Amino acid sequence: MQNHLPIERISDDENGLTIYALYAWKPEGKAIVFIHGYSGDAVQSWSAFEQLLPSSQACKGHDIYFYGYDSRFSDIIAEASGFRDFLAKLLDEPKRYMASLSSLNPGRWDNFTYDHALIVAHSLGAVMARQALLDATRDQRKWPQRCELLLFAPAHKGTKGVDIGIGLADSIPFLKYLTPVLRYTSTAIDDLKEDSPILLQLEQETLNATAAGANPHLKARKVLIAQHEKIVNNLRFANDPAPEKIPGTSHTNICKPNSARLEPLHFLEQCLQ
């Protein structure tokens, strides 16, 4: 049984974003927001979540968003700011924001709001999501308290002694021809190096913000790591829980469930219970 309307591409022209939405037939005030990693795509990075979630009973009533952004040629802090703005509009004024983006009428009432949002992030997207929540928390916004983080192969502890562009070239063959260009044009490659100033500052500020159990939304609900990780370090970040391995996975396929490997879906469903 399908619990959602057909997937729809929606565009935020003001911020140059591309977002896909799966609106619930019977909304329950809950959202799932996917944010991809370096050189990723809003939907394809997560495939086949967009096919499996509409028939998942755990996801029934959840509006699902796939957030696409400029991961290769923009700055991490700048893109984190854009993601923060998206979350603020989505969680503070969802009906107005939906109306500005969507050609569909998802049937929301005037006082509709989200009381919970699960942010599902991969690799670079995990860094951006945490930075967005941290900045909003520091600004004393209330909406981050309704958020939780589910992280797939997060890049918080940097890359394994190689540029992320070079590492991805091993998994995506055509990228090997673009690696020199990526190194020159992409600030994210340097920002994701081990012990980069951005990552060190993010960890210290997260530790400070979560001291004595404060701001639990800045602590990941679950951290999932690949068994055959060749790109990012699997080291534990700040006060996050111990990472959990998904057997037989790599950096690029850990977030792609299929009929033979449903663990990514099952871990997501656990976070909705």
Protein backbone atom coordinates (compact mmCIF):
# COMPACT_ATOMS: atom_id res chain seq x y z
CA MET A 1 0.00 0.00 0.00
CA GLN A 2 1.31 3.41 -1.01
CA ASN A 3 1.06 6.01 1.76
CA HIS A 4 2.34 8.97 -0.25
CA LEU A 5 1.58 11.09 -3.28
CA PRO A 6 3.88 10.57 -6.31
CA ILE A 7 7.34 12.04 -5.94
CA GLU A 8 7.48 15.64 -7.10
CA ARG A 9 10.41 17.84 -8.03
CA ILE A 10 10.17 21.29 -6.47
CA SER A 11 12.61 24.16 -6.96
CA ASP A 12 13.63 27.00 -4.68
CA ASP A 13 14.75 29.52 -7.28
CA GLU A 14 15.84 32.07 -4.68
CA ASN A 15 18.50 29.76 -3.28
CA GLY A 16 19.25 27.68 -6.37
CA LEU A 17 18.14 24.44 -4.75
CA THR A 18 16.45 21.39 -6.17
CA ILE A 19 14.21 19.49 -3.77
CA TYR A 20 12.04 16.43 -4.27
CA ALA A 21 9.04 15.72 -2.06
CA LEU A 22 6.94 12.70 -1.21
CA TYR A 23 3.91 14.09 0.60
CA ALA A 24 1.97 11.78 2.92
CA TRP A 25 -1.67 11.11 2.05
CA LYS A 26 -2.55 11.44 5.73
CA PRO A 27 0.06 13.72 7.34
CA GLU A 28 0.90 13.29 11.01
CA GLY A 29 3.13 16.33 11.46
CA LYS A 30 6.40 14.49 10.90
CA ALA A 31 9.10 14.90 8.26
CA ILE A 32 12.13 13.03 6.94
CA VAL A 33 14.78 15.16 5.22
CA PHE A 34 17.58 13.55 3.18
CA ILE A 35 20.77 15.47 2.41
CA HIS A 36 23.40 13.89 0.15
CA GLY A 37 27.19 14.02 0.23
CA TYR A 38 29.96 15.28 -2.01
CA SER A 39 29.20 15.08 -5.74
CA GLY A 40 25.84 13.51 -4.88
CA ASP A 41 22.31 13.89 -6.17
CA ALA A 42 19.15 14.72 -4.22
CA VAL A 43 17.47 11.37 -4.99
CA GLN A 44 19.95 9.10 -6.75
CA SER A 45 22.39 9.18 -3.83
CA TRP A 46 19.68 7.49 -1.74
CA SER A 47 18.10 5.20 -4.29
CA ALA A 48 15.98 3.18 -3.67
CA PHE A 49 14.67 4.92 -0.53
CA GLU A 50 12.23 6.86 -2.70
CA GLN A 51 10.70 3.55 -3.83
CA LEU A 52 10.71 1.77 -0.48
CA LEU A 53 9.56 4.47 1.94
CA PRO A 54 6.01 4.96 0.56
CA SER A 55 5.15 1.35 1.43
CA SER A 56 6.86 1.39 4.84
CA GLN A 57 4.40 1.43 7.72
CA ALA A 58 6.96 3.17 9.93
CA CYS A 59 7.04 6.08 7.45
CA LYS A 60 3.28 6.36 7.17
CA GLY A 61 2.21 9.95 7.82
CA HIS A 62 5.70 11.36 7.24
CA ASP A 63 6.39 13.96 4.56
CA ILE A 64 9.69 13.05 2.89
CA TYR A 65 12.10 15.57 1.34
CA PHE A 66 15.23 14.97 -0.72
CA TYR A 67 17.41 18.08 -0.54
CA GLY A 68 19.81 18.83 -3.40
CA TYR A 69 22.56 21.45 -3.24
CA ASP A 70 25.86 22.48 -4.84
CA SER A 71 28.26 20.07 -3.16
CA ARG A 72 31.24 20.42 -5.48
CA PHE A 73 31.70 24.11 -6.20
CA SER A 74 30.42 25.84 -3.09
CA ASP A 75 31.64 26.44 0.44
CA ILE A 76 30.62 24.15 3.31
CA ILE A 77 29.65 26.99 5.63
CA ALA A 78 27.69 28.73 2.86
CA GLU A 79 25.79 25.57 1.96
CA ALA A 80 25.15 24.81 5.64
CA SER A 81 23.60 28.26 5.89
CA GLY A 82 21.33 27.44 2.95
CA PHE A 83 20.28 24.16 4.53
CA ARG A 84 19.60 25.96 7.82
CA ASP A 85 17.34 28.43 6.00
CA PHE A 86 15.49 25.57 4.32
CA LEU A 87 14.88 23.80 7.63
CA ALA A 88 13.78 27.01 9.31
CA LYS A 89 11.15 27.71 6.66
CA LEU A 90 10.03 24.10 6.53
CA LEU A 91 9.66 23.75 10.29
CA ASP A 92 8.49 27.26 11.20
CA GLU A 93 6.03 27.91 8.35
CA PRO A 94 5.55 24.62 6.47
CA LYS A 95 2.23 25.33 4.75
CA ARG A 96 3.39 28.66 3.33
CA TYR A 97 6.70 27.19 2.24
CA MET A 98 5.04 24.18 0.58
CA ALA A 99 2.67 26.49 -1.27
CA SER A 100 5.61 28.52 -2.60
CA LEU A 101 7.39 25.43 -3.95
CA SER A 102 4.82 22.83 -4.87
CA SER A 103 2.44 22.56 -7.79
CA LEU A 104 0.53 19.90 -5.85
CA ASN A 105 -1.91 20.64 -3.07
CA PRO A 106 -0.81 18.24 -0.34
CA GLY A 107 -3.93 19.09 1.70
CA ARG A 108 -2.44 20.73 4.79
CA TRP A 109 -4.59 22.60 7.29
CA ASP A 110 -3.96 26.23 8.24
CA ASN A 111 -2.17 25.50 11.52
CA PHE A 112 -0.20 22.54 10.15
CA THR A 113 3.27 22.13 11.63
CA TYR A 114 5.97 19.49 12.06
CA ASP A 115 6.62 18.30 15.59
CA HIS A 116 9.50 16.04 14.52
CA ALA A 117 12.02 15.98 11.66
CA LEU A 118 14.53 13.18 11.08
CA ILE A 119 17.49 14.51 9.11
CA VAL A 120 19.16 11.68 7.20
CA ALA A 121 22.62 12.73 6.01
CA HIS A 122 25.45 11.11 4.07
CA SER A 123 29.16 12.01 4.19
CA LEU A 124 29.59 15.77 3.57
CA GLY A 125 25.85 16.19 4.14
CA ALA A 126 26.35 15.09 7.77
CA VAL A 127 28.84 17.92 8.32
CA MET A 128 26.45 20.43 6.77
CA ALA A 129 23.45 19.20 8.74
CA ARG A 130 25.30 19.36 12.07
CA GLN A 131 26.65 22.83 11.25
CA ALA A 132 23.16 24.02 10.34
CA LEU A 133 21.67 22.74 13.61
CA LEU A 134 24.57 24.09 15.65
CA ASP A 135 24.30 27.57 14.13
CA ALA A 136 20.53 27.68 14.65
CA THR A 137 20.94 26.50 18.25
CA ARG A 138 23.52 29.20 18.89
CA ASP A 139 21.02 31.73 17.50
CA GLN A 140 18.50 30.41 20.06
CA ARG A 141 16.06 29.16 17.47
CA LYS A 142 13.47 26.68 18.73
CA TRP A 143 12.97 24.46 15.66
CA PRO A 144 16.27 22.50 16.01
CA GLN A 145 14.88 20.91 19.19
CA ARG A 146 12.40 19.05 16.98
CA CYS A 147 15.19 17.49 14.88
CA GLU A 148 17.18 14.26 15.09
CA LEU A 149 20.20 13.11 13.07
CA LEU A 150 20.68 9.77 11.32
CA LEU A 151 24.12 9.68 9.71
CA PHE A 152 25.48 7.43 6.96
CA ALA A 153 29.30 7.39 6.60
CA PRO A 154 29.65 10.89 8.05
CA ALA A 155 32.71 12.92 7.10
CA HIS A 156 33.10 14.68 10.47
CA LYS A 157 36.57 13.24 11.10
CA GLY A 158 37.89 13.97 7.62
CA THR A 159 39.14 11.82 4.79
CA LYS A 160 41.61 8.94 5.00
CA GLY A 161 44.69 10.79 3.86
CA VAL A 162 43.32 11.29 0.34
CA ASP A 163 41.24 13.99 -1.29
CA ILE A 164 37.59 13.09 -1.29
CA GLY A 165 37.54 13.71 -5.05
CA ILE A 166 40.31 11.15 -5.58
CA GLY A 167 38.58 8.70 -3.26
CA LEU A 168 35.30 8.98 -5.09
CA ALA A 169 37.12 8.47 -8.38
CA ASP A 170 37.80 4.90 -7.25
CA SER A 171 34.06 4.30 -6.92
CA ILE A 172 32.85 6.49 -9.79
CA PRO A 173 35.30 5.93 -12.68
CA PHE A 174 34.52 9.02 -14.76
CA LEU A 175 35.50 11.28 -11.83
CA LYS A 176 39.16 10.33 -12.21
CA TYR A 177 39.32 12.56 -15.28
CA LEU A 178 37.87 15.47 -13.29
CA THR A 179 40.01 15.14 -10.16
CA PRO A 180 42.48 17.96 -11.07
CA VAL A 181 39.55 20.27 -11.82
CA LEU A 182 37.75 19.31 -8.61
CA ARG A 183 40.82 20.02 -6.50
CA TYR A 184 41.11 23.48 -8.03
CA THR A 185 37.43 24.48 -7.89
CA SER A 186 36.05 22.67 -4.84
CA THR A 187 36.70 24.14 -1.40
CA ALA A 188 35.00 21.11 0.17
CA ILE A 189 37.96 18.90 -0.75
CA ASP A 190 40.28 20.91 1.51
CA ASP A 191 37.62 21.46 4.17
CA LEU A 192 37.14 17.70 4.54
CA LYS A 193 40.80 16.87 5.03
CA GLU A 194 41.66 15.33 8.37
CA ASP A 195 42.15 18.00 11.07
CA SER A 196 40.85 20.81 8.87
CA PRO A 197 39.97 23.99 10.82
CA ILE A 198 36.28 23.65 9.92
CA LEU A 199 36.03 20.08 11.24
CA LEU A 200 38.05 20.80 14.38
CA GLN A 201 35.91 23.82 15.19
CA LEU A 202 32.69 21.92 14.52
CA GLU A 203 33.68 19.14 16.93
CA GLN A 204 34.75 21.51 19.70
CA GLU A 205 31.61 23.62 19.40
CA THR A 206 29.46 20.47 19.37
CA LEU A 207 31.20 19.20 22.52
CA ASN A 208 30.61 22.53 24.22
CA ALA A 209 26.96 22.68 23.16
CA THR A 210 26.19 19.12 24.29
CA ALA A 211 28.03 19.23 27.61
CA ALA A 212 26.09 17.85 30.59
CA GLY A 213 23.42 16.46 28.25
CA ALA A 214 22.39 19.82 26.80
CA ASN A 215 20.99 20.14 23.27
CA PRO A 216 20.40 16.44 22.59
CA HIS A 217 19.39 17.25 19.00
CA LEU A 218 23.08 17.94 18.26
CA LYS A 219 23.97 14.37 19.17
CA ALA A 220 23.28 11.84 16.40
CA ARG A 221 20.52 9.31 17.01
CA LYS A 222 22.49 6.71 15.04
CA VAL A 223 25.78 6.68 13.16
CA LEU A 224 26.16 4.06 10.42
CA ILE A 225 29.52 3.22 8.89
CA ALA A 226 30.62 1.15 5.90
CA GLN A 227 32.56 -2.07 6.41
CA HIS A 228 34.76 -1.32 3.41
CA GLU A 229 35.24 2.42 3.96
CA LYS A 230 38.02 3.89 1.80
CA ILE A 231 37.17 7.59 1.84
CA VAL A 232 36.27 8.97 5.28
CA ASN A 233 37.55 8.14 8.75
CA ASN A 234 35.15 6.05 10.84
CA LEU A 235 36.35 7.62 14.10
CA ARG A 236 33.75 8.61 16.67
CA PHE A 237 32.76 12.30 16.64
CA ALA A 238 32.11 14.40 19.78
CA ASN A 239 29.38 12.80 21.95
CA ASP A 240 27.80 10.71 19.21
CA PRO A 241 26.87 7.08 19.94
CA ALA A 242 29.25 4.33 18.90
CA PRO A 243 28.97 3.76 15.14
CA GLU A 244 27.21 0.68 13.79
CA LYS A 245 28.58 -1.21 10.78
CA ILE A 246 26.48 -2.21 7.79
CA PRO A 247 28.20 -5.36 6.47
CA GLY A 248 29.41 -5.52 2.89
CA THR A 249 29.00 -1.81 2.19
CA SER A 250 31.27 0.90 0.81
CA HIS A 251 31.19 4.66 1.25
CA THR A 252 28.93 5.17 -1.76
CA ASN A 253 26.45 2.30 -1.35
CA ILE A 254 25.95 2.34 2.43
CA CYS A 255 22.96 4.66 1.97
CA LYS A 256 21.40 2.73 -0.92
CA PRO A 257 18.97 0.02 0.22
CA ASN A 258 17.95 -2.74 -2.15
CA SER A 259 16.14 -6.07 -2.01
CA ALA A 260 19.31 -7.85 -0.93
CA ARG A 261 20.40 -5.25 1.63
CA LEU A 262 17.56 -3.63 3.57
CA GLU A 263 19.65 -2.58 6.61
CA PRO A 264 19.71 1.12 5.59
CA LEU A 265 15.91 1.15 5.51
CA HIS A 266 15.58 -0.78 8.77
CA PHE A 267 17.92 1.58 10.62
CA LEU A 268 15.87 4.55 9.40
CA GLU A 269 12.64 2.88 10.50
CA GLN A 270 14.12 2.33 13.97
CA CYS A 271 14.70 6.07 14.29
CA LEU A 272 11.01 6.71 13.63
CA GLN A 273 9.80 4.51 16.49
